[in-house]
Amino acid sequence: MHKILQAQFIKFHENIKLINTEDNEILRNKRDMLVDEIKAYLKKKSEDENSPLITFLVENQGSYSMGTGIKPLSEQDYDIDVALLFNLSKDDYTALEVKRWVFEAIDKQFRTVEYKKPCVRVQYLKNGDSAFHVDLACYANSNTDKKIYLSKGKPTSTGSDKKWEVSEPKELKSKINGKYSDTYEKQQFKRAIRYLKRWKDYKIKNTVDGKPTGIAITALAFDGFIPEVSKDNFTGDRIENDLQATLSLVEYILNQFDIFNEISVDLPVPPYNDLFEKMKKNEKQTTRFKEKLKSLRDDLMKASNETDPVEACEILSRQFGDDFPIPPKETTGQKRNIAVVGSTEQA
């Protein structure tokens, strides 16, 4: 029973995981094209103003860089997070000035570009529908205090919201990727994050219904995930239990709600902001989120106690969607020699 369920979880993970940007030619080309346009803009700016050329480094950030990205559902698009680490000091330029360079460089005809509080977003369409968007975050990377600062705010923001804010995108990536040294534990950790990210997209359609961000799920897992990986004493093979690991994580998250029915989790690197700050302003959102989590916990427990693997997978499919596979009854029956499928995803 356990071997069959674990095999289905691994298949589910293969169905939903998003490959790294570097392995996706379309995404890589779009990112590189935008970067080239920004470089050309800065070169022309330097020549027109007879001023030093402003340069920057480019790094992937977000779920791609942490190995926790998932494919979007059919009605959703997905985002590519790119860090532009400008070789300049926050004391020499305002946060909006740097962000404006990026906006003007890529704001072309037939392209949707907009200011967002933490980035400049480029939206790409396919057949008139949203396909994916690229979020370009602008950082001041050469400061006397050796810290990195993120450009926050939009032209329409109030004065206090237009600012440089200390941020450590590289440290965040390093912390998530370095959470576990054991390969099996690291892979299970990232699979569990992907499972919950797909669950929230499937069961909670929008923020009005109390939908947390992907980084909030990741931060909760960083704090509360417990690996369920052991070794067979006779064969030495690794035994992984993704169902129990996911159930334990959901129970941990539910335990983070306080007596006021609020939940908090801080970003594990500067600026250490509460990733549920917005949701806590709306009691209905936090209540819905908690109710959805309870439903997930209950079904995970039902699946764990179910003796029929087909019934167990049908229960799990109700929570995770059609990408969670249900094995044909004829392949389960009384068979107990189905091997555990290995895990090969990149961290």
C-alpha atoms as a PDB file:
ATOM      1  CA  MET A   1       0.000   0.000   0.000  1.00  0.00           C
ATOM      2  CA  HIS A   2       2.698   2.490   1.011  1.00  0.00           C
ATOM      3  CA  LYS A   3       4.802   1.710  -2.060  1.00  0.00           C
ATOM      4  CA  ILE A   4       1.847   2.307  -4.381  1.00  0.00           C
ATOM      5  CA  LEU A   5       0.964   5.633  -2.753  1.00  0.00           C
ATOM      6  CA  GLN A   6       4.561   6.813  -2.782  1.00  0.00           C
ATOM      7  CA  ALA A   7       4.807   5.950  -6.465  1.00  0.00           C
ATOM      8  CA  GLN A   8       1.687   8.041  -7.152  1.00  0.00           C
ATOM      9  CA  PHE A   9       3.118  10.996  -5.225  1.00  0.00           C
ATOM     10  CA  ILE A  10       6.296  10.842  -7.301  1.00  0.00           C
ATOM     11  CA  LYS A  11       4.248  10.725 -10.511  1.00  0.00           C
ATOM     12  CA  PHE A  12       2.221  13.681  -9.232  1.00  0.00           C
ATOM     13  CA  HIS A  13       5.425  15.599  -8.628  1.00  0.00           C
ATOM     14  CA  GLU A  14       6.646  14.861 -12.152  1.00  0.00           C
ATOM     15  CA  ASN A  15       3.320  16.123 -13.497  1.00  0.00           C
ATOM     16  CA  ILE A  16       3.439  19.486 -11.718  1.00  0.00           C
ATOM     17  CA  LYS A  17       7.107  20.446 -11.390  1.00  0.00           C
ATOM     18  CA  LEU A  18       8.369  23.277 -13.556  1.00  0.00           C
ATOM     19  CA  ILE A  19      11.786  22.859 -15.077  1.00  0.00           C
ATOM     20  CA  ASN A  20      14.487  25.442 -14.465  1.00  0.00           C
ATOM     21  CA  THR A  21      14.530  28.545 -16.658  1.00  0.00           C
ATOM     22  CA  GLU A  22      17.905  27.519 -18.081  1.00  0.00           C
ATOM     23  CA  ASP A  23      16.326  24.316 -19.437  1.00  0.00           C
ATOM     24  CA  ASN A  24      13.374  26.151 -21.033  1.00  0.00           C
ATOM     25  CA  GLU A  25      14.449  27.804 -24.271  1.00  0.00           C
ATOM     26  CA  ILE A  26      11.395  30.087 -24.587  1.00  0.00           C
ATOM     27  CA  LEU A  27      11.718  31.472 -21.061  1.00  0.00           C
ATOM     28  CA  ARG A  28      15.474  31.825 -21.321  1.00  0.00           C
ATOM     29  CA  ASN A  29      15.209  33.699 -24.619  1.00  0.00           C
ATOM     30  CA  LYS A  30      12.542  36.094 -23.296  1.00  0.00           C
ATOM     31  CA  ARG A  31      14.639  36.870 -20.221  1.00  0.00           C
ATOM     32  CA  ASP A  32      17.807  37.386 -22.264  1.00  0.00           C
ATOM     33  CA  MET A  33      16.001  39.621 -24.762  1.00  0.00           C
ATOM     34  CA  LEU A  34      14.755  41.904 -21.976  1.00  0.00           C
ATOM     35  CA  VAL A  35      18.211  42.023 -20.391  1.00  0.00           C
ATOM     36  CA  ASP A  36      19.776  42.991 -23.740  1.00  0.00           C
ATOM     37  CA  GLU A  37      17.243  45.798 -24.178  1.00  0.00           C
ATOM     38  CA  ILE A  38      18.070  47.199 -20.733  1.00  0.00           C
ATOM     39  CA  LYS A  39      21.802  47.062 -21.472  1.00  0.00           C
ATOM     40  CA  ALA A  40      21.260  48.875 -24.784  1.00  0.00           C
ATOM     41  CA  TYR A  41      19.206  51.554 -23.006  1.00  0.00           C
ATOM     42  CA  LEU A  42      21.917  52.145 -20.400  1.00  0.00           C
ATOM     43  CA  LYS A  43      24.623  52.274 -23.081  1.00  0.00           C
ATOM     44  CA  LYS A  44      22.702  54.939 -24.999  1.00  0.00           C
ATOM     45  CA  LYS A  45      22.026  56.836 -21.759  1.00  0.00           C
ATOM     46  CA  SER A  46      25.753  56.853 -21.021  1.00  0.00           C
ATOM     47  CA  GLU A  47      26.617  58.092 -24.516  1.00  0.00           C
ATOM     48  CA  ASP A  48      23.892  60.770 -24.603  1.00  0.00           C
ATOM     49  CA  GLU A  49      24.794  62.116 -21.151  1.00  0.00           C
ATOM     50  CA  ASN A  50      28.532  61.522 -21.443  1.00  0.00           C
ATOM     51  CA  SER A  51      28.324  59.723 -18.123  1.00  0.00           C
ATOM     52  CA  PRO A  52      29.799  56.458 -16.782  1.00  0.00           C
ATOM     53  CA  LEU A  53      28.131  53.304 -18.070  1.00  0.00           C
ATOM     54  CA  ILE A  54      25.850  51.728 -15.473  1.00  0.00           C
ATOM     55  CA  THR A  55      26.127  47.937 -15.407  1.00  0.00           C
ATOM     56  CA  PHE A  56      24.300  45.156 -13.614  1.00  0.00           C
ATOM     57  CA  LEU A  57      24.447  41.443 -12.889  1.00  0.00           C
ATOM     58  CA  VAL A  58      21.563  39.099 -13.701  1.00  0.00           C
ATOM     59  CA  GLU A  59      20.389  36.239 -11.498  1.00  0.00           C
ATOM     60  CA  ASN A  60      17.284  34.095 -11.452  1.00  0.00           C
ATOM     61  CA  GLN A  61      15.379  34.305  -8.212  1.00  0.00           C
ATOM     62  CA  GLY A  62      12.120  32.993  -6.807  1.00  0.00           C
ATOM     63  CA  SER A  63      10.854  29.445  -7.239  1.00  0.00           C
ATOM     64  CA  TYR A  64      13.046  28.737 -10.274  1.00  0.00           C
ATOM     65  CA  SER A  65      16.253  29.422  -8.402  1.00  0.00           C
ATOM     66  CA  MET A  66      15.046  27.457  -5.368  1.00  0.00           C
ATOM     67  CA  GLY A  67      13.780  24.442  -7.295  1.00  0.00           C
ATOM     68  CA  THR A  68      10.191  24.794  -6.071  1.00  0.00           C
ATOM     69  CA  GLY A  69       8.413  26.015  -9.207  1.00  0.00           C
ATOM     70  CA  ILE A  70       5.191  24.378 -10.409  1.00  0.00           C
ATOM     71  CA  LYS A  71       3.330  24.408 -13.701  1.00  0.00           C
ATOM     72  CA  PRO A  72       0.325  26.736 -13.729  1.00  0.00           C
ATOM     73  CA  LEU A  73      -3.212  25.462 -13.975  1.00  0.00           C
ATOM     74  CA  SER A  74      -4.947  26.081 -17.299  1.00  0.00           C
ATOM     75  CA  GLU A  75      -6.600  29.318 -16.137  1.00  0.00           C
ATOM     76  CA  GLN A  76      -3.420  30.722 -14.593  1.00  0.00           C
ATOM     77  CA  ASP A  77      -0.119  32.056 -15.851  1.00  0.00           C
ATOM     78  CA  TYR A  78       3.240  31.708 -14.173  1.00  0.00           C
ATOM     79  CA  ASP A  79       5.973  34.134 -13.348  1.00  0.00           C
ATOM     80  CA  ILE A  80       9.694  34.307 -13.942  1.00  0.00           C
ATOM     81  CA  ASP A  81      11.564  36.226 -11.260  1.00  0.00           C
ATOM     82  CA  VAL A  82      14.765  37.932 -12.351  1.00  0.00           C
ATOM     83  CA  ALA A  83      17.095  39.951 -10.130  1.00  0.00           C
ATOM     84  CA  LEU A  84      18.907  42.901 -11.732  1.00  0.00           C
ATOM     85  CA  LEU A  85      21.809  43.664  -9.384  1.00  0.00           C
ATOM     86  CA  PHE A  86      22.935  47.143 -10.386  1.00  0.00           C
ATOM     87  CA  ASN A  87      26.530  48.091  -9.652  1.00  0.00           C
ATOM     88  CA  LEU A  88      25.588  51.308  -7.914  1.00  0.00           C
ATOM     89  CA  SER A  89      24.912  52.702  -4.462  1.00  0.00           C
ATOM     90  CA  LYS A  90      21.455  53.486  -3.165  1.00  0.00           C
ATOM     91  CA  ASP A  91      22.859  56.834  -2.073  1.00  0.00           C
ATOM     92  CA  ASP A  92      23.514  57.891  -5.679  1.00  0.00           C
ATOM     93  CA  TYR A  93      20.102  57.221  -7.218  1.00  0.00           C
ATOM     94  CA  THR A  94      16.534  57.049  -5.958  1.00  0.00           C
ATOM     95  CA  ALA A  95      14.742  53.725  -5.965  1.00  0.00           C
ATOM     96  CA  LEU A  96      12.240  54.901  -8.571  1.00  0.00           C
ATOM     97  CA  GLU A  97      14.942  56.374 -10.794  1.00  0.00           C
ATOM     98  CA  VAL A  98      16.560  52.981 -11.278  1.00  0.00           C
ATOM     99  CA  LYS A  99      13.213  51.261 -11.755  1.00  0.00           C
ATOM    100  CA  ARG A 100      12.276  53.884 -14.359  1.00  0.00           C
ATOM    101  CA  TRP A 101      15.340  52.990 -16.453  1.00  0.00           C
ATOM    102  CA  VAL A 102      14.155  49.395 -16.636  1.00  0.00           C
ATOM    103  CA  PHE A 103      10.578  50.390 -17.433  1.00  0.00           C
ATOM    104  CA  GLU A 104      11.585  52.767 -20.227  1.00  0.00           C
ATOM    105  CA  ALA A 105      14.043  50.270 -21.684  1.00  0.00           C
ATOM    106  CA  ILE A 106      11.468  47.522 -22.194  1.00  0.00           C
ATOM    107  CA  ASP A 107       8.234  49.503 -22.650  1.00  0.00           C
ATOM    108  CA  LYS A 108       7.716  48.695 -26.331  1.00  0.00           C
ATOM    109  CA  GLN A 109       4.708  48.686 -28.617  1.00  0.00           C
ATOM    110  CA  PHE A 110       2.506  45.568 -28.358  1.00  0.00           C
ATOM    111  CA  ARG A 111       4.086  44.691 -25.001  1.00  0.00           C
ATOM    112  CA  THR A 112       2.332  45.067 -21.655  1.00  0.00           C
ATOM    113  CA  VAL A 113       4.710  46.545 -19.082  1.00  0.00           C
ATOM    114  CA  GLU A 114       3.692  47.838 -15.659  1.00  0.00           C
ATOM    115  CA  TYR A 115       5.181  49.048 -12.426  1.00  0.00           C
ATOM    116  CA  LYS A 116       4.632  46.766  -9.451  1.00  0.00           C
ATOM    117  CA  LYS A 117       5.669  47.629  -5.928  1.00  0.00           C
ATOM    118  CA  PRO A 118       8.667  45.239  -5.840  1.00  0.00           C
ATOM    119  CA  CYS A 119       9.464  45.031  -9.585  1.00  0.00           C
ATOM    120  CA  VAL A 120       8.735  45.909 -13.194  1.00  0.00           C
ATOM    121  CA  ARG A 121       6.463  43.323 -14.792  1.00  0.00           C
ATOM    122  CA  VAL A 122       6.281  42.271 -18.444  1.00  0.00           C
ATOM    123  CA  GLN A 123       3.151  40.299 -19.307  1.00  0.00           C
ATOM    124  CA  TYR A 124       3.217  37.891 -22.238  1.00  0.00           C
ATOM    125  CA  LEU A 125       0.045  36.660 -23.919  1.00  0.00           C
ATOM    126  CA  LYS A 126      -0.852  33.620 -25.984  1.00  0.00           C
ATOM    127  CA  ASN A 127      -3.954  33.794 -28.146  1.00  0.00           C
ATOM    128  CA  GLY A 128      -5.070  36.811 -26.136  1.00  0.00           C
ATOM    129  CA  ASP A 129      -4.757  35.074 -22.766  1.00  0.00           C
ATOM    130  CA  SER A 130      -2.078  35.480 -20.115  1.00  0.00           C
ATOM    131  CA  ALA A 131       0.721  32.967 -20.702  1.00  0.00           C
ATOM    132  CA  PHE A 132       3.451  34.078 -18.325  1.00  0.00           C
ATOM    133  CA  HIS A 133       5.046  37.223 -16.939  1.00  0.00           C
ATOM    134  CA  VAL A 134       8.585  38.267 -16.162  1.00  0.00           C
ATOM    135  CA  ASP A 135       9.165  40.181 -12.933  1.00  0.00           C
ATOM    136  CA  LEU A 136      12.331  42.267 -13.022  1.00  0.00           C
ATOM    137  CA  ALA A 137      13.427  43.264  -9.521  1.00  0.00           C
ATOM    138  CA  CYS A 138      15.936  46.123  -9.307  1.00  0.00           C
ATOM    139  CA  TYR A 139      18.649  46.094  -6.645  1.00  0.00           C
ATOM    140  CA  ALA A 140      21.412  48.472  -5.569  1.00  0.00           C
ATOM    141  CA  ASN A 141      24.329  46.076  -5.213  1.00  0.00           C
ATOM    142  CA  SER A 142      27.330  48.310  -4.398  1.00  0.00           C
ATOM    143  CA  ASN A 143      26.716  49.930  -1.028  1.00  0.00           C
ATOM    144  CA  THR A 144      29.185  51.006   1.629  1.00  0.00           C
ATOM    145  CA  ASP A 145      27.454  48.837   4.244  1.00  0.00           C
ATOM    146  CA  LYS A 146      27.850  45.761   1.959  1.00  0.00           C
ATOM    147  CA  LYS A 147      24.091  45.186   1.979  1.00  0.00           C
ATOM    148  CA  ILE A 148      21.787  44.765  -1.013  1.00  0.00           C
ATOM    149  CA  TYR A 149      18.755  47.031  -1.388  1.00  0.00           C
ATOM    150  CA  LEU A 150      15.577  46.458  -3.405  1.00  0.00           C
ATOM    151  CA  SER A 151      13.746  49.243  -5.228  1.00  0.00           C
ATOM    152  CA  LYS A 152      10.236  49.428  -3.743  1.00  0.00           C
ATOM    153  CA  GLY A 153       7.287  51.481  -4.925  1.00  0.00           C
ATOM    154  CA  LYS A 154       5.555  52.783  -8.055  1.00  0.00           C
ATOM    155  CA  PRO A 155       5.292  56.306  -9.505  1.00  0.00           C
ATOM    156  CA  THR A 156       1.824  56.526  -7.948  1.00  0.00           C
ATOM    157  CA  SER A 157       3.021  55.378  -4.504  1.00  0.00           C
ATOM    158  CA  THR A 158       3.183  57.783  -1.587  1.00  0.00           C
ATOM    159  CA  GLY A 159       6.564  59.237  -0.753  1.00  0.00           C
ATOM    160  CA  SER A 160       7.248  56.856   2.114  1.00  0.00           C
ATOM    161  CA  ASP A 161       6.529  53.838  -0.117  1.00  0.00           C
ATOM    162  CA  LYS A 162       9.137  54.867  -2.697  1.00  0.00           C
ATOM    163  CA  LYS A 163      12.296  53.598  -1.106  1.00  0.00           C
ATOM    164  CA  TRP A 164      15.297  51.335  -1.081  1.00  0.00           C
ATOM    165  CA  GLU A 165      14.633  48.379   1.237  1.00  0.00           C
ATOM    166  CA  VAL A 166      17.318  46.018   2.471  1.00  0.00           C
ATOM    167  CA  SER A 167      16.944  42.619   0.821  1.00  0.00           C
ATOM    168  CA  GLU A 168      19.035  39.483   0.435  1.00  0.00           C
ATOM    169  CA  PRO A 169      17.799  37.534  -2.612  1.00  0.00           C
ATOM    170  CA  LYS A 170      20.980  35.462  -2.884  1.00  0.00           C
ATOM    171  CA  GLU A 171      20.886  34.577   0.805  1.00  0.00           C
ATOM    172  CA  LEU A 172      17.258  33.426   0.502  1.00  0.00           C
ATOM    173  CA  LYS A 173      18.145  31.122  -2.395  1.00  0.00           C
ATOM    174  CA  SER A 174      21.125  29.802  -0.443  1.00  0.00           C
ATOM    175  CA  LYS A 175      19.055  29.130   2.691  1.00  0.00           C
ATOM    176  CA  ILE A 176      16.304  27.227   0.893  1.00  0.00           C
ATOM    177  CA  ASN A 177      18.718  25.205  -1.218  1.00  0.00           C
ATOM    178  CA  GLY A 178      20.933  24.493   1.769  1.00  0.00           C
ATOM    179  CA  LYS A 179      18.212  23.502   4.227  1.00  0.00           C
ATOM    180  CA  TYR A 180      19.138  19.821   4.014  1.00  0.00           C
ATOM    181  CA  SER A 181      22.472  18.245   3.136  1.00  0.00           C
ATOM    182  CA  ASP A 182      20.964  14.785   2.614  1.00  0.00           C
ATOM    183  CA  THR A 183      19.851  14.497  -1.013  1.00  0.00           C
ATOM    184  CA  TYR A 184      16.703  12.478  -0.267  1.00  0.00           C
ATOM    185  CA  GLU A 185      15.583  14.848   2.491  1.00  0.00           C
ATOM    186  CA  LYS A 186      16.251  17.896   0.314  1.00  0.00           C
ATOM    187  CA  GLN A 187      14.261  16.451  -2.576  1.00  0.00           C
ATOM    188  CA  GLN A 188      11.327  15.508  -0.330  1.00  0.00           C
ATOM    189  CA  PHE A 189      11.381  18.995   1.225  1.00  0.00           C
ATOM    190  CA  LYS A 190      11.041  20.592  -2.199  1.00  0.00           C
ATOM    191  CA  ARG A 191       8.427  18.107  -3.337  1.00  0.00           C
ATOM    192  CA  ALA A 192       6.279  18.902  -0.285  1.00  0.00           C
ATOM    193  CA  ILE A 193       6.500  22.613  -1.110  1.00  0.00           C
ATOM    194  CA  ARG A 194       5.385  21.898  -4.659  1.00  0.00           C
ATOM    195  CA  TYR A 195       2.509  19.722  -3.426  1.00  0.00           C
ATOM    196  CA  LEU A 196       1.165  22.517  -1.217  1.00  0.00           C
ATOM    197  CA  LYS A 197       1.661  25.148  -3.896  1.00  0.00           C
ATOM    198  CA  ARG A 198      -0.372  23.083  -6.338  1.00  0.00           C
ATOM    199  CA  TRP A 199      -2.999  22.434  -3.640  1.00  0.00           C
ATOM    200  CA  LYS A 200      -3.416  26.159  -2.958  1.00  0.00           C
ATOM    201  CA  ASP A 201      -3.734  26.921  -6.676  1.00  0.00           C
ATOM    202  CA  TYR A 202      -6.309  24.160  -7.115  1.00  0.00           C
ATOM    203  CA  LYS A 203      -8.394  24.728  -3.988  1.00  0.00           C
ATOM    204  CA  ILE A 204      -8.000  28.489  -3.430  1.00  0.00           C
ATOM    205  CA  LYS A 205      -8.580  30.357  -6.648  1.00  0.00           C
ATOM    206  CA  ASN A 206      -7.649  33.903  -5.621  1.00  0.00           C
ATOM    207  CA  THR A 207      -6.449  36.094  -2.770  1.00  0.00           C
ATOM    208  CA  VAL A 208     -10.029  37.116  -1.958  1.00  0.00           C
ATOM    209  CA  ASP A 209     -10.528  33.530  -0.807  1.00  0.00           C
ATOM    210  CA  GLY A 210      -7.452  33.611   1.405  1.00  0.00           C
ATOM    211  CA  LYS A 211      -4.807  32.378  -1.012  1.00  0.00           C
ATOM    212  CA  PRO A 212      -1.277  32.623   0.423  1.00  0.00           C
ATOM    213  CA  THR A 213       1.754  33.420  -1.702  1.00  0.00           C
ATOM    214  CA  GLY A 214       4.190  30.778  -2.839  1.00  0.00           C
ATOM    215  CA  ILE A 215       6.971  32.274  -0.739  1.00  0.00           C
ATOM    216  CA  ALA A 216       4.711  32.089   2.347  1.00  0.00           C
ATOM    217  CA  ILE A 217       4.263  28.344   1.763  1.00  0.00           C
ATOM    218  CA  THR A 218       8.010  27.981   1.235  1.00  0.00           C
ATOM    219  CA  ALA A 219       8.820  29.888   4.443  1.00  0.00           C
ATOM    220  CA  LEU A 220       6.379  27.735   6.440  1.00  0.00           C
ATOM    221  CA  ALA A 221       8.029  24.608   5.063  1.00  0.00           C
ATOM    222  CA  PHE A 222      11.470  26.037   5.841  1.00  0.00           C
ATOM    223  CA  ASP A 223      10.416  26.413   9.481  1.00  0.00           C
ATOM    224  CA  GLY A 224       8.255  23.332   9.979  1.00  0.00           C
ATOM    225  CA  PHE A 225       8.988  20.564   7.477  1.00  0.00           C
ATOM    226  CA  ILE A 226      10.101  17.235   8.959  1.00  0.00           C
ATOM    227  CA  PRO A 227      11.562  14.688   6.504  1.00  0.00           C
ATOM    228  CA  GLU A 228      10.010  11.244   6.357  1.00  0.00           C
ATOM    229  CA  VAL A 229      12.980   9.362   4.949  1.00  0.00           C
ATOM    230  CA  SER A 230      14.358   6.173   6.498  1.00  0.00           C
ATOM    231  CA  LYS A 231      16.590   3.285   5.494  1.00  0.00           C
ATOM    232  CA  ASP A 232      15.636  -0.365   5.178  1.00  0.00           C
ATOM    233  CA  ASN A 233      17.749  -2.266   7.701  1.00  0.00           C
ATOM    234  CA  PHE A 234      18.065  -5.279   5.418  1.00  0.00           C
ATOM    235  CA  THR A 235      18.487  -3.807   1.926  1.00  0.00           C
ATOM    236  CA  GLY A 236      19.843  -0.367   2.791  1.00  0.00           C
ATOM    237  CA  ASP A 237      17.310   1.200   0.404  1.00  0.00           C
ATOM    238  CA  ARG A 238      15.819   4.591   1.220  1.00  0.00           C
ATOM    239  CA  ILE A 239      12.151   4.542   2.192  1.00  0.00           C
ATOM    240  CA  GLU A 240      10.346   7.819   1.506  1.00  0.00           C
ATOM    241  CA  ASN A 241       6.872   8.678   2.770  1.00  0.00           C
ATOM    242  CA  ASP A 242       5.662  11.837   1.060  1.00  0.00           C
ATOM    243  CA  LEU A 243       2.124  11.400   2.375  1.00  0.00           C
ATOM    244  CA  GLN A 244       3.240  11.487   6.003  1.00  0.00           C
ATOM    245  CA  ALA A 245       5.714  14.317   5.363  1.00  0.00           C
ATOM    246  CA  THR A 246       2.972  16.414   3.751  1.00  0.00           C
ATOM    247  CA  LEU A 247       0.493  15.604   6.512  1.00  0.00           C
ATOM    248  CA  SER A 248       2.997  16.606   9.200  1.00  0.00           C
ATOM    249  CA  LEU A 249       3.685  19.888   7.398  1.00  0.00           C
ATOM    250  CA  VAL A 250      -0.035  20.701   7.131  1.00  0.00           C
ATOM    251  CA  GLU A 251      -0.489  19.974  10.835  1.00  0.00           C
ATOM    252  CA  TYR A 252       2.450  22.261  11.602  1.00  0.00           C
ATOM    253  CA  ILE A 253       0.889  25.075   9.559  1.00  0.00           C
ATOM    254  CA  LEU A 254      -2.462  24.674  11.309  1.00  0.00           C
ATOM    255  CA  ASN A 255      -0.662  24.949  14.642  1.00  0.00           C
ATOM    256  CA  GLN A 256       0.688  28.359  13.617  1.00  0.00           C
ATOM    257  CA  PHE A 257      -2.768  29.938  13.851  1.00  0.00           C
ATOM    258  CA  ASP A 258      -3.105  31.835  17.126  1.00  0.00           C
ATOM    259  CA  ILE A 259      -6.147  32.314  19.374  1.00  0.00           C
ATOM    260  CA  PHE A 260      -7.254  35.197  17.159  1.00  0.00           C
ATOM    261  CA  ASN A 261      -7.255  32.872  14.128  1.00  0.00           C
ATOM    262  CA  GLU A 262      -4.274  34.678  12.607  1.00  0.00           C
ATOM    263  CA  ILE A 263      -1.157  33.152  11.117  1.00  0.00           C
ATOM    264  CA  SER A 264       2.318  34.632  10.695  1.00  0.00           C
ATOM    265  CA  VAL A 265       5.578  33.564   9.118  1.00  0.00           C
ATOM    266  CA  ASP A 266       8.598  35.760   8.517  1.00  0.00           C
ATOM    267  CA  LEU A 267      10.791  35.752   5.460  1.00  0.00           C
ATOM    268  CA  PRO A 268      13.915  33.905   6.675  1.00  0.00           C
ATOM    269  CA  VAL A 269      16.242  36.671   5.426  1.00  0.00           C
ATOM    270  CA  PRO A 270      16.162  40.506   5.559  1.00  0.00           C
ATOM    271  CA  PRO A 271      13.836  42.351   5.702  1.00  0.00           C
ATOM    272  CA  TYR A 272      12.222  39.504   7.740  1.00  0.00           C
ATOM    273  CA  ASN A 273       8.737  40.753   6.864  1.00  0.00           C
ATOM    274  CA  ASP A 274       5.578  38.859   7.833  1.00  0.00           C
ATOM    275  CA  LEU A 275       4.442  37.093   4.668  1.00  0.00           C
ATOM    276  CA  PHE A 276       0.839  36.956   5.904  1.00  0.00           C
ATOM    277  CA  GLU A 277       0.627  40.651   6.753  1.00  0.00           C
ATOM    278  CA  LYS A 278      -1.931  41.430   4.049  1.00  0.00           C
ATOM    279  CA  MET A 279      -4.076  38.389   4.760  1.00  0.00           C
ATOM    280  CA  LYS A 280      -4.269  39.212   8.467  1.00  0.00           C
ATOM    281  CA  LYS A 281      -6.113  42.409   7.593  1.00  0.00           C
ATOM    282  CA  ASN A 282      -9.047  40.321   6.380  1.00  0.00           C
ATOM    283  CA  GLU A 283     -10.531  37.886   8.902  1.00  0.00           C
ATOM    284  CA  LYS A 284     -12.540  36.079   6.231  1.00  0.00           C
ATOM    285  CA  GLN A 285      -9.410  35.289   4.264  1.00  0.00           C
ATOM    286  CA  THR A 286      -7.570  33.755   7.203  1.00  0.00           C
ATOM    287  CA  THR A 287     -10.690  31.794   8.165  1.00  0.00           C
ATOM    288  CA  ARG A 288     -11.080  30.380   4.654  1.00  0.00           C
ATOM    289  CA  PHE A 289      -7.420  29.466   4.487  1.00  0.00           C
ATOM    290  CA  LYS A 290      -7.615  27.635   7.797  1.00  0.00           C
ATOM    291  CA  GLU A 291     -10.784  25.792   6.752  1.00  0.00           C
ATOM    292  CA  LYS A 292      -9.161  24.670   3.501  1.00  0.00           C
ATOM    293  CA  LEU A 293      -6.111  23.458   5.429  1.00  0.00           C
ATOM    294  CA  LYS A 294      -8.308  21.460   7.802  1.00  0.00           C
ATOM    295  CA  SER A 295     -10.014  19.815   4.848  1.00  0.00           C
ATOM    296  CA  LEU A 296      -6.613  18.949   3.374  1.00  0.00           C
ATOM    297  CA  ARG A 297      -5.400  17.533   6.688  1.00  0.00           C
ATOM    298  CA  ASP A 298      -8.531  15.413   7.076  1.00  0.00           C
ATOM    299  CA  ASP A 299      -8.232  13.957   3.582  1.00  0.00           C
ATOM    300  CA  LEU A 300      -4.518  13.255   4.015  1.00  0.00           C
ATOM    301  CA  MET A 301      -5.378  11.342   7.176  1.00  0.00           C
ATOM    302  CA  LYS A 302      -8.181   9.458   5.403  1.00  0.00           C
ATOM    303  CA  ALA A 303      -5.822   8.501   2.593  1.00  0.00           C
ATOM    304  CA  SER A 304      -3.216   7.389   5.113  1.00  0.00           C
ATOM    305  CA  ASN A 305      -5.731   5.111   6.842  1.00  0.00           C
ATOM    306  CA  GLU A 306      -7.322   3.805   3.647  1.00  0.00           C
ATOM    307  CA  THR A 307      -6.495   0.178   2.823  1.00  0.00           C
ATOM    308  CA  ASP A 308      -7.437   0.436  -0.852  1.00  0.00           C
ATOM    309  CA  PRO A 309      -4.771   2.450  -2.754  1.00  0.00           C
ATOM    310  CA  VAL A 310      -7.255   3.399  -5.465  1.00  0.00           C
ATOM    311  CA  GLU A 311      -9.649   4.871  -2.894  1.00  0.00           C
ATOM    312  CA  ALA A 312      -6.725   6.649  -1.206  1.00  0.00           C
ATOM    313  CA  CYS A 313      -5.608   8.228  -4.478  1.00  0.00           C
ATOM    314  CA  GLU A 314      -9.164   9.309  -5.301  1.00  0.00           C
ATOM    315  CA  ILE A 315      -9.271  11.117  -1.956  1.00  0.00           C
ATOM    316  CA  LEU A 316      -5.929  12.804  -2.678  1.00  0.00           C
ATOM    317  CA  SER A 317      -7.020  13.755  -6.188  1.00  0.00           C
ATOM    318  CA  ARG A 318      -9.923  15.721  -4.716  1.00  0.00           C
ATOM    319  CA  GLN A 319      -7.390  17.909  -2.912  1.00  0.00           C
ATOM    320  CA  PHE A 320      -4.603  18.108  -5.489  1.00  0.00           C
ATOM    321  CA  GLY A 321      -6.500  17.933  -8.750  1.00  0.00           C
ATOM    322  CA  ASP A 322      -6.390  15.736 -11.834  1.00  0.00           C
ATOM    323  CA  ASP A 323      -2.593  15.742 -11.957  1.00  0.00           C
ATOM    324  CA  PHE A 324      -2.590  13.410  -8.968  1.00  0.00           C
ATOM    325  CA  PRO A 325      -2.779   9.996 -10.686  1.00  0.00           C
ATOM    326  CA  ILE A 326      -5.219   7.274  -9.717  1.00  0.00           C
ATOM    327  CA  PRO A 327      -3.869   3.798 -10.500  1.00  0.00           C
ATOM    328  CA  PRO A 328      -6.120   1.317 -12.316  1.00  0.00           C
ATOM    329  CA  LYS A 329      -7.656  -1.175  -9.930  1.00  0.00           C
ATOM    330  CA  GLU A 330      -6.179  -4.088 -11.831  1.00  0.00           C
ATOM    331  CA  THR A 331      -2.653  -2.846 -11.105  1.00  0.00           C
ATOM    332  CA  THR A 332      -3.193  -2.771  -7.344  1.00  0.00           C
ATOM    333  CA  GLY A 333      -5.368  -5.628  -6.082  1.00  0.00           C
ATOM    334  CA  GLN A 334      -3.385  -7.797  -3.704  1.00  0.00           C
ATOM    335  CA  LYS A 335      -0.033  -7.011  -5.276  1.00  0.00           C
ATOM    336  CA  ARG A 336       2.527  -5.790  -2.817  1.00  0.00           C
ATOM    337  CA  ASN A 337       5.726  -5.978  -4.879  1.00  0.00           C
ATOM    338  CA  ILE A 338       5.462  -2.671  -6.700  1.00  0.00           C
ATOM    339  CA  ALA A 339       8.775  -0.849  -6.365  1.00  0.00           C
ATOM    340  CA  VAL A 340       9.161   2.618  -4.993  1.00  0.00           C
ATOM    341  CA  VAL A 341       9.763   5.066  -7.818  1.00  0.00           C
ATOM    342  CA  GLY A 342      12.974   7.004  -7.353  1.00  0.00           C
ATOM    343  CA  SER A 343      13.238  10.783  -7.199  1.00  0.00           C
ATOM    344  CA  THR A 344      15.486  12.546  -9.703  1.00  0.00           C
ATOM    345  CA  GLU A 345      14.480  16.199  -9.678  1.00  0.00           C
ATOM    346  CA  GLN A 346      17.130  18.870  -9.537  1.00  0.00           C
ATOM    347  CA  ALA A 347      17.406  20.836  -6.288  1.00  0.00           C
END
